[in-house]
PDB file of N, CA and C in Angstrom:
ATOM      1  N   MET A   1     -16.532   9.185  23.866  1.00  0.00           N
ATOM      2  CA  MET A   1     -15.421  10.342  23.726  1.00  0.00           C
ATOM      3  C   MET A   1     -14.873  10.182  22.277  1.00  0.00           C
ATOM      4  N   GLU A   2     -14.943  11.156  21.462  1.00  0.00           N
ATOM      5  CA  GLU A   2     -14.098  11.242  20.222  1.00  0.00           C
ATOM      6  C   GLU A   2     -12.745  12.002  20.513  1.00  0.00           C
ATOM      7  N   HIS A   3     -11.732  11.340  19.827  1.00  0.00           N
ATOM      8  CA  HIS A   3     -10.338  11.792  19.884  1.00  0.00           C
ATOM      9  C   HIS A   3     -10.067  12.685  18.552  1.00  0.00           C
ATOM     10  N   SER A   4      -9.723  14.054  18.765  1.00  0.00           N
ATOM     11  CA  SER A   4      -9.449  14.823  17.623  1.00  0.00           C
ATOM     12  C   SER A   4      -7.986  14.637  17.378  1.00  0.00           C
ATOM     13  N   GLU A   5      -7.098  14.069  18.143  1.00  0.00           N
ATOM     14  CA  GLU A   5      -5.753  14.013  17.832  1.00  0.00           C
ATOM     15  C   GLU A   5      -5.418  13.339  16.533  1.00  0.00           C
ATOM     16  N   LYS A   6      -4.475  13.964  16.009  1.00  0.00           N
ATOM     17  CA  LYS A   6      -4.060  13.068  14.552  1.00  0.00           C
ATOM     18  C   LYS A   6      -2.465  12.844  14.535  1.00  0.00           C
ATOM     19  N   ARG A   7      -2.358  11.779  13.571  1.00  0.00           N
ATOM     20  CA  ARG A   7      -0.925  11.289  13.692  1.00  0.00           C
ATOM     21  C   ARG A   7      -0.288  12.422  12.803  1.00  0.00           C
ATOM     22  N   ALA A   8       0.765  12.893  13.157  1.00  0.00           N
ATOM     23  CA  ALA A   8       1.824  14.104  12.979  1.00  0.00           C
ATOM     24  C   ALA A   8       1.972  13.681  11.383  1.00  0.00           C
ATOM     25  N   GLY A   9       1.875  14.814  10.584  1.00  0.00           N
ATOM     26  CA  GLY A   9       2.077  14.763   9.162  1.00  0.00           C
ATOM     27  C   GLY A   9       1.451  13.832   8.269  1.00  0.00           C
ATOM     28  N   THR A  10       0.361  13.237   8.919  1.00  0.00           N
ATOM     29  CA  THR A  10      -0.611  12.393   8.091  1.00  0.00           C
ATOM     30  C   THR A  10      -2.077  12.792   8.316  1.00  0.00           C
ATOM     31  N   GLY A  11      -2.423  13.582   9.071  1.00  0.00           N
ATOM     32  CA  GLY A  11      -3.726  13.872   9.028  1.00  0.00           C
ATOM     33  C   GLY A  11      -4.722  12.974   9.366  1.00  0.00           C
ATOM     34  N   VAL A  12      -4.285  11.798   9.772  1.00  0.00           N
ATOM     35  CA  VAL A  12      -5.100  10.342  10.217  1.00  0.00           C
ATOM     36  C   VAL A  12      -5.259  10.451  11.762  1.00  0.00           C
ATOM     37  N   PRO A  13      -6.541  10.498  12.001  1.00  0.00           N
ATOM     38  CA  PRO A  13      -6.938  10.318  13.441  1.00  0.00           C
ATOM     39  C   PRO A  13      -6.532   9.272  14.027  1.00  0.00           C
ATOM     40  N   VAL A  14      -6.095   9.289  15.315  1.00  0.00           N
ATOM     41  CA  VAL A  14      -5.666   8.378  16.182  1.00  0.00           C
ATOM     42  C   VAL A  14      -6.526   8.055  17.233  1.00  0.00           C
ATOM     43  N   ALA A  15      -6.620   6.581  17.566  1.00  0.00           N
ATOM     44  CA  ALA A  15      -7.457   6.241  18.750  1.00  0.00           C
ATOM     45  C   ALA A  15      -9.025   6.289  18.423  1.00  0.00           C
ATOM     46  N   ARG A  16      -9.154   5.903  17.117  1.00  0.00           N
ATOM     47  CA  ARG A  16     -10.593   5.999  16.630  1.00  0.00           C
ATOM     48  C   ARG A  16     -10.442   4.896  15.567  1.00  0.00           C
ATOM     49  N   ALA A  17     -11.590   4.056  15.542  1.00  0.00           N
ATOM     50  CA  ALA A  17     -12.026   3.268  14.353  1.00  0.00           C
ATOM     51  C   ALA A  17     -12.253   3.875  13.069  1.00  0.00           C
ATOM     52  N   LEU A  18     -11.493   3.637  12.064  1.00  0.00           N
ATOM     53  CA  LEU A  18     -11.757   3.859  10.487  1.00  0.00           C
ATOM     54  C   LEU A  18     -11.640   2.889   9.605  1.00  0.00           C
ATOM     55  N   ALA A  19     -12.435   3.150   8.593  1.00  0.00           N
ATOM     56  CA  ALA A  19     -12.311   2.333   7.211  1.00  0.00           C
ATOM     57  C   ALA A  19     -11.226   2.695   6.553  1.00  0.00           C
ATOM     58  N   LEU A  20     -10.376   2.032   6.302  1.00  0.00           N
ATOM     59  CA  LEU A  20      -9.102   2.346   5.449  1.00  0.00           C
ATOM     60  C   LEU A  20      -9.306   2.733   4.182  1.00  0.00           C
ATOM     61  N   SER A  21     -10.222   1.951   3.542  1.00  0.00           N
ATOM     62  CA  SER A  21     -10.576   2.113   2.063  1.00  0.00           C
ATOM     63  C   SER A  21     -11.091   3.561   1.985  1.00  0.00           C
ATOM     64  N   GLY A  22     -11.680   4.241   3.118  1.00  0.00           N
ATOM     65  CA  GLY A  22     -12.374   5.450   3.022  1.00  0.00           C
ATOM     66  C   GLY A  22     -11.316   6.525   3.133  1.00  0.00           C
ATOM     67  N   LEU A  23     -10.257   6.261   3.377  1.00  0.00           N
ATOM     68  CA  LEU A  23      -9.243   7.382   3.691  1.00  0.00           C
ATOM     69  C   LEU A  23      -8.653   7.956   2.492  1.00  0.00           C
ATOM     70  N   LEU A  24      -8.858   7.400   1.230  1.00  0.00           N
ATOM     71  CA  LEU A  24      -8.489   8.088  -0.017  1.00  0.00           C
ATOM     72  C   LEU A  24      -9.462   7.611  -1.098  1.00  0.00           C
ATOM     73  N   ASP A  25      -9.396   8.304  -2.280  1.00  0.00           N
ATOM     74  CA  ASP A  25     -10.436   8.023  -3.278  1.00  0.00           C
ATOM     75  C   ASP A  25      -9.478   7.825  -4.462  1.00  0.00           C
ATOM     76  N   TYR A  26     -10.004   7.237  -5.457  1.00  0.00           N
ATOM     77  CA  TYR A  26      -9.556   6.976  -6.929  1.00  0.00           C
ATOM     78  C   TYR A  26      -9.647   8.169  -7.604  1.00  0.00           C
ATOM     79  N   GLN A  27      -8.338   8.314  -8.280  1.00  0.00           N
ATOM     80  CA  GLN A  27      -8.596   9.501  -9.415  1.00  0.00           C
ATOM     81  C   GLN A  27      -8.146   8.800 -10.768  1.00  0.00           C
ATOM     82  N   GLU A  28      -8.991   9.409 -11.715  1.00  0.00           N
ATOM     83  CA  GLU A  28      -9.043   9.000 -13.102  1.00  0.00           C
ATOM     84  C   GLU A  28      -7.464   8.898 -13.681  1.00  0.00           C
ATOM     85  N   GLY A  29      -6.756   7.853 -14.065  1.00  0.00           N
ATOM     86  CA  GLY A  29      -5.505   7.770 -14.715  1.00  0.00           C
ATOM     87  C   GLY A  29      -4.355   7.926 -13.678  1.00  0.00           C
ATOM     88  N   ALA A  30      -4.787   7.785 -12.441  1.00  0.00           N
ATOM     89  CA  ALA A  30      -3.605   8.157 -11.493  1.00  0.00           C
ATOM     90  C   ALA A  30      -3.374   6.879 -10.370  1.00  0.00           C
ATOM     91  N   VAL A  31      -2.328   6.927  -9.697  1.00  0.00           N
ATOM     92  CA  VAL A  31      -1.956   6.274  -8.335  1.00  0.00           C
ATOM     93  C   VAL A  31      -2.109   7.465  -7.349  1.00  0.00           C
ATOM     94  N   VAL A  32      -2.867   7.333  -6.316  1.00  0.00           N
ATOM     95  CA  VAL A  32      -2.956   8.180  -5.330  1.00  0.00           C
ATOM     96  C   VAL A  32      -2.470   7.330  -4.032  1.00  0.00           C
ATOM     97  N   SER A  33      -1.534   8.078  -3.122  1.00  0.00           N
ATOM     98  CA  SER A  33      -1.132   7.521  -1.803  1.00  0.00           C
ATOM     99  C   SER A  33      -1.245   8.333  -0.548  1.00  0.00           C
ATOM    100  N   ARG A  34      -1.409   7.730   0.475  1.00  0.00           N
ATOM    101  CA  ARG A  34      -1.607   8.606   1.780  1.00  0.00           C
ATOM    102  C   ARG A  34      -0.920   7.689   2.601  1.00  0.00           C
ATOM    103  N   THR A  35      -0.093   8.539   3.470  1.00  0.00           N
ATOM    104  CA  THR A  35       0.833   7.956   4.600  1.00  0.00           C
ATOM    105  C   THR A  35      -0.029   7.702   5.706  1.00  0.00           C
ATOM    106  N   VAL A  36      -0.118   6.660   6.442  1.00  0.00           N
ATOM    107  CA  VAL A  36      -0.907   6.490   7.602  1.00  0.00           C
ATOM    108  C   VAL A  36       0.162   6.739   8.914  1.00  0.00           C
ATOM    109  N   ILE A  37       1.172   5.954   8.793  1.00  0.00           N
ATOM    110  CA  ILE A  37       2.180   6.033   9.821  1.00  0.00           C
ATOM    111  C   ILE A  37       3.632   5.997   9.103  1.00  0.00           C
ATOM    112  N   ASP A  38       4.542   7.036   9.591  1.00  0.00           N
ATOM    113  CA  ASP A  38       5.831   7.087   9.237  1.00  0.00           C
ATOM    114  C   ASP A  38       6.789   7.204  10.124  1.00  0.00           C
ATOM    115  N   ARG A  39       7.637   6.310  10.527  1.00  0.00           N
ATOM    116  CA  ARG A  39       8.486   6.091  11.711  1.00  0.00           C
ATOM    117  C   ARG A  39       9.840   5.604  11.005  1.00  0.00           C
ATOM    118  N   LYS A  40      10.846   5.980  11.885  1.00  0.00           N
ATOM    119  CA  LYS A  40      12.367   5.349  11.547  1.00  0.00           C
ATOM    120  C   LYS A  40      12.037   3.804  11.417  1.00  0.00           C
ATOM    121  N   THR A  41      11.018   3.296  12.155  1.00  0.00           N
ATOM    122  CA  THR A  41      11.116   1.828  12.054  1.00  0.00           C
ATOM    123  C   THR A  41      10.072   1.126  11.158  1.00  0.00           C
ATOM    124  N   GLY A  42       9.486   2.041  10.363  1.00  0.00           N
ATOM    125  CA  GLY A  42       8.540   1.586   9.194  1.00  0.00           C
ATOM    126  C   GLY A  42       7.582   2.583   8.896  1.00  0.00           C
ATOM    127  N   THR A  43       6.839   2.119   7.790  1.00  0.00           N
ATOM    128  CA  THR A  43       5.914   2.890   7.394  1.00  0.00           C
ATOM    129  C   THR A  43       4.587   2.051   6.904  1.00  0.00           C
ATOM    130  N   VAL A  44       3.506   2.686   7.012  1.00  0.00           N
ATOM    131  CA  VAL A  44       2.274   2.193   6.417  1.00  0.00           C
ATOM    132  C   VAL A  44       1.414   2.914   5.676  1.00  0.00           C
ATOM    133  N   THR A  45       1.296   2.756   4.354  1.00  0.00           N
ATOM    134  CA  THR A  45       0.755   3.560   3.332  1.00  0.00           C
ATOM    135  C   THR A  45      -0.544   3.136   2.531  1.00  0.00           C
ATOM    136  N   LEU A  46      -1.462   3.880   2.173  1.00  0.00           N
ATOM    137  CA  LEU A  46      -2.398   3.505   1.582  1.00  0.00           C
ATOM    138  C   LEU A  46      -2.219   3.835  -0.013  1.00  0.00           C
ATOM    139  N   PHE A  47      -2.689   3.147  -0.863  1.00  0.00           N
ATOM    140  CA  PHE A  47      -2.593   3.503  -2.206  1.00  0.00           C
ATOM    141  C   PHE A  47      -3.877   2.996  -2.930  1.00  0.00           C
ATOM    142  N   ALA A  48      -4.312   4.073  -4.118  1.00  0.00           N
ATOM    143  CA  ALA A  48      -5.468   3.695  -4.671  1.00  0.00           C
ATOM    144  C   ALA A  48      -4.948   3.721  -6.269  1.00  0.00           C
ATOM    145  N   PHE A  49      -4.944   2.733  -6.938  1.00  0.00           N
ATOM    146  CA  PHE A  49      -4.524   2.669  -8.364  1.00  0.00           C
ATOM    147  C   PHE A  49      -5.917   2.377  -9.277  1.00  0.00           C
ATOM    148  N   ASP A  50      -5.822   3.617 -10.268  1.00  0.00           N
ATOM    149  CA  ASP A  50      -6.857   3.315 -11.250  1.00  0.00           C
ATOM    150  C   ASP A  50      -6.407   2.269 -12.279  1.00  0.00           C
ATOM    151  N   GLU A  51      -7.502   1.707 -12.948  1.00  0.00           N
ATOM    152  CA  GLU A  51      -7.270   0.472 -13.821  1.00  0.00           C
ATOM    153  C   GLU A  51      -6.209   0.755 -14.783  1.00  0.00           C
ATOM    154  N   GLY A  52      -5.109  -0.128 -15.021  1.00  0.00           N
ATOM    155  CA  GLY A  52      -4.164   0.023 -15.904  1.00  0.00           C
ATOM    156  C   GLY A  52      -2.968   0.797 -15.228  1.00  0.00           C
ATOM    157  N   GLN A  53      -3.003   1.326 -14.151  1.00  0.00           N
ATOM    158  CA  GLN A  53      -2.072   2.120 -13.502  1.00  0.00           C
ATOM    159  C   GLN A  53      -1.042   1.152 -12.762  1.00  0.00           C
ATOM    160  N   GLY A  54       0.098   1.659 -12.429  1.00  0.00           N
ATOM    161  CA  GLY A  54       1.156   0.698 -11.786  1.00  0.00           C
ATOM    162  C   GLY A  54       2.270   1.343 -11.165  1.00  0.00           C
ATOM    163  N   LEU A  55       3.236   0.467 -10.757  1.00  0.00           N
ATOM    164  CA  LEU A  55       4.545   1.013 -10.410  1.00  0.00           C
ATOM    165  C   LEU A  55       5.490   0.247 -11.182  1.00  0.00           C
ATOM    166  N   SER A  56       6.387   0.727 -11.651  1.00  0.00           N
ATOM    167  CA  SER A  56       7.291   0.136 -12.473  1.00  0.00           C
ATOM    168  C   SER A  56       8.337  -0.676 -11.492  1.00  0.00           C
ATOM    169  N   GLU A  57       9.232  -1.448 -12.081  1.00  0.00           N
ATOM    170  CA  GLU A  57      10.015  -2.369 -11.494  1.00  0.00           C
ATOM    171  C   GLU A  57      10.979  -1.818 -10.637  1.00  0.00           C
ATOM    172  N   HIS A  58      11.026  -2.228  -9.245  1.00  0.00           N
ATOM    173  CA  HIS A  58      12.031  -1.442  -8.417  1.00  0.00           C
ATOM    174  C   HIS A  58      12.341  -2.444  -7.333  1.00  0.00           C
ATOM    175  N   THR A  59      13.221  -2.054  -6.448  1.00  0.00           N
ATOM    176  CA  THR A  59      13.662  -2.848  -5.077  1.00  0.00           C
ATOM    177  C   THR A  59      13.678  -2.054  -4.160  1.00  0.00           C
ATOM    178  N   ALA A  60      13.442  -2.654  -2.914  1.00  0.00           N
ATOM    179  CA  ALA A  60      13.523  -2.049  -1.554  1.00  0.00           C
ATOM    180  C   ALA A  60      14.363  -2.724  -0.912  1.00  0.00           C
ATOM    181  N   PRO A  61      15.051  -1.981   0.322  1.00  0.00           N
ATOM    182  CA  PRO A  61      16.098  -2.529   1.045  1.00  0.00           C
ATOM    183  C   PRO A  61      15.410  -3.374   2.310  1.00  0.00           C
ATOM    184  N   PHE A  62      14.079  -3.386   2.274  1.00  0.00           N
ATOM    185  CA  PHE A  62      13.260  -4.226   3.303  1.00  0.00           C
ATOM    186  C   PHE A  62      12.229  -4.890   3.060  1.00  0.00           C
ATOM    187  N   ASP A  63      11.764  -6.020   3.605  1.00  0.00           N
ATOM    188  CA  ASP A  63      10.732  -6.605   3.256  1.00  0.00           C
ATOM    189  C   ASP A  63       9.269  -5.817   3.304  1.00  0.00           C
ATOM    190  N   ALA A  64       8.497  -6.082   2.582  1.00  0.00           N
ATOM    191  CA  ALA A  64       7.114  -5.149   2.520  1.00  0.00           C
ATOM    192  C   ALA A  64       5.933  -6.111   2.315  1.00  0.00           C
ATOM    193  N   MET A  65       4.904  -5.931   2.869  1.00  0.00           N
ATOM    194  CA  MET A  65       3.463  -6.565   2.866  1.00  0.00           C
ATOM    195  C   MET A  65       2.610  -5.689   2.112  1.00  0.00           C
ATOM    196  N   VAL A  66       1.789  -6.327   0.932  1.00  0.00           N
ATOM    197  CA  VAL A  66       0.961  -5.707   0.169  1.00  0.00           C
ATOM    198  C   VAL A  66      -0.463  -6.256   0.693  1.00  0.00           C
ATOM    199  N   TYR A  67      -1.426  -5.643   1.036  1.00  0.00           N
ATOM    200  CA  TYR A  67      -2.838  -6.235   1.358  1.00  0.00           C
ATOM    201  C   TYR A  67      -3.834  -5.505   0.593  1.00  0.00           C
ATOM    202  N   LEU A  68      -4.432  -6.117  -0.416  1.00  0.00           N
ATOM    203  CA  LEU A  68      -5.431  -5.464  -1.288  1.00  0.00           C
ATOM    204  C   LEU A  68      -6.711  -5.337  -0.492  1.00  0.00           C
ATOM    205  N   LEU A  69      -7.134  -4.113  -0.459  1.00  0.00           N
ATOM    206  CA  LEU A  69      -8.417  -3.740   0.244  1.00  0.00           C
ATOM    207  C   LEU A  69      -9.697  -4.066  -0.591  1.00  0.00           C
ATOM    208  N   ASP A  70      -9.466  -3.725  -1.892  1.00  0.00           N
ATOM    209  CA  ASP A  70     -10.312  -4.042  -3.028  1.00  0.00           C
ATOM    210  C   ASP A  70      -9.971  -4.095  -4.524  1.00  0.00           C
ATOM    211  N   GLY A  71     -10.523  -4.771  -5.490  1.00  0.00           N
ATOM    212  CA  GLY A  71     -10.060  -4.674  -6.660  1.00  0.00           C
ATOM    213  C   GLY A  71      -9.001  -5.830  -6.855  1.00  0.00           C
ATOM    214  N   GLU A  72      -8.504  -5.770  -8.063  1.00  0.00           N
ATOM    215  CA  GLU A  72      -7.514  -6.815  -8.481  1.00  0.00           C
ATOM    216  C   GLU A  72      -6.241  -5.982  -9.050  1.00  0.00           C
ATOM    217  N   ALA A  73      -5.231  -6.830  -8.645  1.00  0.00           N
ATOM    218  CA  ALA A  73      -3.790  -6.304  -9.006  1.00  0.00           C
ATOM    219  C   ALA A  73      -3.033  -7.543  -9.434  1.00  0.00           C
ATOM    220  N   GLU A  74      -2.011  -7.202 -10.412  1.00  0.00           N
ATOM    221  CA  GLU A  74      -0.941  -8.037 -10.640  1.00  0.00           C
ATOM    222  C   GLU A  74       0.376  -7.886 -10.006  1.00  0.00           C
ATOM    223  N   VAL A  75       0.845  -8.520  -9.292  1.00  0.00           N
ATOM    224  CA  VAL A  75       2.144  -8.197  -8.607  1.00  0.00           C
ATOM    225  C   VAL A  75       3.356  -9.062  -9.293  1.00  0.00           C
ATOM    226  N   VAL A  76       4.139  -8.439  -9.644  1.00  0.00           N
ATOM    227  CA  VAL A  76       5.413  -9.353 -10.185  1.00  0.00           C
ATOM    228  C   VAL A  76       6.624  -9.365  -9.279  1.00  0.00           C
ATOM    229  N   ILE A  77       7.037 -10.297  -8.782  1.00  0.00           N
ATOM    230  CA  ILE A  77       8.277 -10.453  -7.910  1.00  0.00           C
ATOM    231  C   ILE A  77       9.286 -11.457  -8.455  1.00  0.00           C
ATOM    232  N   ASP A  78      10.427 -10.787  -8.825  1.00  0.00           N
ATOM    233  CA  ASP A  78      11.465 -11.555  -9.463  1.00  0.00           C
ATOM    234  C   ASP A  78      11.176 -12.195 -10.743  1.00  0.00           C
ATOM    235  N   GLY A  79      10.146 -11.573 -11.478  1.00  0.00           N
ATOM    236  CA  GLY A  79       9.750 -11.947 -12.745  1.00  0.00           C
ATOM    237  C   GLY A  79       8.728 -12.996 -12.848  1.00  0.00           C
ATOM    238  N   GLN A  80       8.214 -13.324 -11.738  1.00  0.00           N
ATOM    239  CA  GLN A  80       6.934 -14.143 -11.359  1.00  0.00           C
ATOM    240  C   GLN A  80       5.729 -13.446 -11.021  1.00  0.00           C
ATOM    241  N   PRO A  81       4.843 -13.534 -11.912  1.00  0.00           N
ATOM    242  CA  PRO A  81       3.345 -12.767 -11.756  1.00  0.00           C
ATOM    243  C   PRO A  81       2.602 -13.375 -10.768  1.00  0.00           C
ATOM    244  N   LEU A  82       1.982 -12.569  -9.997  1.00  0.00           N
ATOM    245  CA  LEU A  82       0.901 -13.169  -8.700  1.00  0.00           C
ATOM    246  C   LEU A  82      -0.374 -12.093  -9.241  1.00  0.00           C
ATOM    247  N   ARG A  83      -1.538 -12.819  -9.166  1.00  0.00           N
ATOM    248  CA  ARG A  83      -2.731 -12.088  -9.280  1.00  0.00           C
ATOM    249  C   ARG A  83      -3.248 -12.188  -8.103  1.00  0.00           C
ATOM    250  N   LEU A  84      -3.457 -10.720  -7.279  1.00  0.00           N
ATOM    251  CA  LEU A  84      -4.078 -10.637  -6.118  1.00  0.00           C
ATOM    252  C   LEU A  84      -5.549 -10.130  -6.051  1.00  0.00           C
ATOM    253  N   GLN A  85      -6.533 -10.403  -5.276  1.00  0.00           N
ATOM    254  CA  GLN A  85      -7.738  -9.919  -5.378  1.00  0.00           C
ATOM    255  C   GLN A  85      -8.028  -9.406  -3.957  1.00  0.00           C
ATOM    256  N   SER A  86      -9.229  -8.766  -3.760  1.00  0.00           N
ATOM    257  CA  SER A  86      -9.477  -8.265  -2.389  1.00  0.00           C
ATOM    258  C   SER A  86      -9.314  -9.171  -1.354  1.00  0.00           C
ATOM    259  N   GLY A  87      -8.933  -8.777  -0.280  1.00  0.00           N
ATOM    260  CA  GLY A  87      -8.672  -9.695   0.883  1.00  0.00           C
ATOM    261  C   GLY A  87      -7.259 -10.547   0.807  1.00  0.00           C
ATOM    262  N   GLU A  88      -6.647 -10.375  -0.317  1.00  0.00           N
ATOM    263  CA  GLU A  88      -5.320 -11.177  -0.288  1.00  0.00           C
ATOM    264  C   GLU A  88      -3.924 -10.375   0.007  1.00  0.00           C
ATOM    265  N   MET A  89      -3.138 -10.868   0.356  1.00  0.00           N
ATOM    266  CA  MET A  89      -1.761 -10.433   0.516  1.00  0.00           C
ATOM    267  C   MET A  89      -0.641 -11.209   0.066  1.00  0.00           C
ATOM    268  N   VAL A  90       0.479 -10.250  -0.138  1.00  0.00           N
ATOM    269  CA  VAL A  90       1.771 -10.862  -0.586  1.00  0.00           C
ATOM    270  C   VAL A  90       2.754 -10.261   0.202  1.00  0.00           C
ATOM    271  N   ILE A  91       3.702 -11.101   0.430  1.00  0.00           N
ATOM    272  CA  ILE A  91       5.058 -10.271   1.119  1.00  0.00           C
ATOM    273  C   ILE A  91       6.013 -10.462   0.087  1.00  0.00           C
ATOM    274  N   MET A  92       6.708  -9.214  -0.267  1.00  0.00           N
ATOM    275  CA  MET A  92       7.544  -8.788  -1.265  1.00  0.00           C
ATOM    276  C   MET A  92       8.934  -8.877  -0.401  1.00  0.00           C
ATOM    277  N   PRO A  93      10.038  -9.797  -0.805  1.00  0.00           N
ATOM    278  CA  PRO A  93      11.263  -9.902  -0.129  1.00  0.00           C
ATOM    279  C   PRO A  93      12.117  -8.795  -0.224  1.00  0.00           C
ATOM    280  N   ALA A  94      12.967  -8.394   0.648  1.00  0.00           N
ATOM    281  CA  ALA A  94      13.759  -7.189   0.345  1.00  0.00           C
ATOM    282  C   ALA A  94      14.996  -7.551  -0.879  1.00  0.00           C
ATOM    283  N   ASN A  95      15.122  -6.469  -1.318  1.00  0.00           N
ATOM    284  CA  ASN A  95      16.401  -6.548  -2.566  1.00  0.00           C
ATOM    285  C   ASN A  95      15.903  -7.300  -3.676  1.00  0.00           C
ATOM    286  N   ARG A  96      14.563  -7.755  -3.818  1.00  0.00           N
ATOM    287  CA  ARG A  96      14.032  -8.394  -5.089  1.00  0.00           C
ATOM    288  C   ARG A  96      13.438  -7.568  -5.798  1.00  0.00           C
ATOM    289  N   PRO A  97      13.622  -7.534  -6.984  1.00  0.00           N
ATOM    290  CA  PRO A  97      12.747  -6.418  -8.086  1.00  0.00           C
ATOM    291  C   PRO A  97      11.345  -6.939  -8.024  1.00  0.00           C
ATOM    292  N   HIS A  98      10.340  -5.940  -8.048  1.00  0.00           N
ATOM    293  CA  HIS A  98       8.984  -6.114  -8.144  1.00  0.00           C
ATOM    294  C   HIS A  98       8.301  -5.018  -8.726  1.00  0.00           C
ATOM    295  N   ALA A  99       7.270  -5.223  -9.093  1.00  0.00           N
ATOM    296  CA  ALA A  99       6.254  -4.258  -9.783  1.00  0.00           C
ATOM    297  C   ALA A  99       4.841  -4.617  -9.394  1.00  0.00           C
ATOM    298  N   LEU A 100       4.129  -3.726  -9.674  1.00  0.00           N
ATOM    299  CA  LEU A 100       2.452  -3.751  -9.241  1.00  0.00           C
ATOM    300  C   LEU A 100       1.759  -3.041 -10.650  1.00  0.00           C
ATOM    301  N   ARG A 101       0.676  -3.615 -10.976  1.00  0.00           N
ATOM    302  CA  ARG A 101      -0.397  -3.021 -11.981  1.00  0.00           C
ATOM    303  C   ARG A 101      -1.481  -3.424 -11.697  1.00  0.00           C
ATOM    304  N   ALA A 102      -2.589  -2.465 -12.127  1.00  0.00           N
ATOM    305  CA  ALA A 102      -3.879  -2.694 -11.592  1.00  0.00           C
ATOM    306  C   ALA A 102      -4.659  -3.425 -12.862  1.00  0.00           C
ATOM    307  N   VAL A 103      -4.963  -4.678 -12.738  1.00  0.00           N
ATOM    308  CA  VAL A 103      -5.848  -5.253 -13.596  1.00  0.00           C
ATOM    309  C   VAL A 103      -7.101  -4.493 -13.626  1.00  0.00           C
ATOM    310  N   LYS A 104      -7.733  -4.459 -12.484  1.00  0.00           N
ATOM    311  CA  LYS A 104      -8.955  -3.583 -12.227  1.00  0.00           C
ATOM    312  C   LYS A 104      -8.505  -2.669 -11.219  1.00  0.00           C
ATOM    313  N   ARG A 105      -9.120  -1.478 -11.089  1.00  0.00           N
ATOM    314  CA  ARG A 105      -8.800  -0.477 -10.020  1.00  0.00           C
ATOM    315  C   ARG A 105      -8.760  -1.245  -8.778  1.00  0.00           C
ATOM    316  N   PHE A 106      -7.573  -0.912  -7.749  1.00  0.00           N
ATOM    317  CA  PHE A 106      -7.440  -1.591  -6.712  1.00  0.00           C
ATOM    318  C   PHE A 106      -7.037  -0.506  -5.545  1.00  0.00           C
ATOM    319  N   LYS A 107      -7.320  -0.666  -4.268  1.00  0.00           N
ATOM    320  CA  LYS A 107      -6.666  -0.034  -3.182  1.00  0.00           C
ATOM    321  C   LYS A 107      -5.959  -1.188  -2.330  1.00  0.00           C
ATOM    322  N   MET A 108      -4.695  -0.738  -1.929  1.00  0.00           N
ATOM    323  CA  MET A 108      -3.899  -1.736  -1.153  1.00  0.00           C
ATOM    324  C   MET A 108      -3.213  -0.738   0.053  1.00  0.00           C
ATOM    325  N   LEU A 109      -2.893  -1.716   0.906  1.00  0.00           N
ATOM    326  CA  LEU A 109      -2.230  -1.144   2.093  1.00  0.00           C
ATOM    327  C   LEU A 109      -1.038  -1.832   2.129  1.00  0.00           C
ATOM    328  N   LEU A 110       0.097  -1.091   2.087  1.00  0.00           N
ATOM    329  CA  LEU A 110       1.479  -1.383   2.089  1.00  0.00           C
ATOM    330  C   LEU A 110       1.993  -1.051   3.527  1.00  0.00           C
ATOM    331  N   ILE A 111       2.812  -2.200   4.085  1.00  0.00           N
ATOM    332  CA  ILE A 111       3.420  -2.146   5.321  1.00  0.00           C
ATOM    333  C   ILE A 111       4.964  -2.673   5.054  1.00  0.00           C
ATOM    334  N   MET A 112       5.716  -1.539   5.427  1.00  0.00           N
ATOM    335  CA  MET A 112       7.255  -1.908   5.434  1.00  0.00           C
ATOM    336  C   MET A 112       7.889  -1.572   6.875  1.00  0.00           C
ATOM    337  N   ILE A 113       8.453  -2.638   7.425  1.00  0.00           N
ATOM    338  CA  ILE A 113       9.060  -2.625   8.585  1.00  0.00           C
ATOM    339  C   ILE A 113      10.685  -2.521   8.472  1.00  0.00           C
ATOM    340  N   ARG A 114      11.183  -1.526   8.817  1.00  0.00           N
ATOM    341  CA  ARG A 114      12.697  -1.295   8.639  1.00  0.00           C
ATOM    342  C   ARG A 114      13.359  -2.015   9.770  1.00  0.00           C
ATOM    343  N   TYR A 115      14.501  -2.580   9.452  1.00  0.00           N
ATOM    344  CA  TYR A 115      15.168  -3.348  10.569  1.00  0.00           C
ATOM    345  C   TYR A 115      16.772  -2.965  10.079  1.00  0.00           C
ATOM    346  N   ALA A 116      17.603  -3.157  11.161  1.00  0.00           N
ATOM    347  CA  ALA A 116      19.095  -2.718  10.977  1.00  0.00           C
ATOM    348  C   ALA A 116      19.672  -3.810   9.967  1.00  0.00           C
ATOM    349  N   VAL A 117      20.446  -3.207   9.222  1.00  0.00           N
ATOM    350  CA  VAL A 117      21.134  -3.994   8.086  1.00  0.00           C
ATOM    351  C   VAL A 117      22.513  -4.365   8.393  1.00  0.00           C
TER     352      VAL A 117
END
C-alpha cells in the first residue's frame, strides 16, 4: 500500500522509501535547496551545489551535520579547510564560523538539531 501523505510544507512523501539525491536536481550556476523536515526541534534540508558555488562564511547557534550524497566539497570551519567526498560527513560546531564551496558539484544533507540555550 502506498502512502500519499506528505510532510506539511515540504511536499516530501512520508512513510515511503525515497532516494535522497533524487529529491532535487542541480541547476547551472546555482545552489538549490529543499526542506525535508522543519520543526521547532530541528531541520533536515537537502542542497545541490553546482561546481564553484558555495555558502559564504556564517555562524549558526546550533551544531549541524553535513553529509555528502555525491560530489566533492570544501568545508571551512574556524579557518581550517576540510575536503569532503561522497559518503563523508562533518559536524560543524555551534557558533563557529563556517563556509562551503563546491570543488565539484555536490549534493548534501544538512541536519540541524535545535536545543535550549
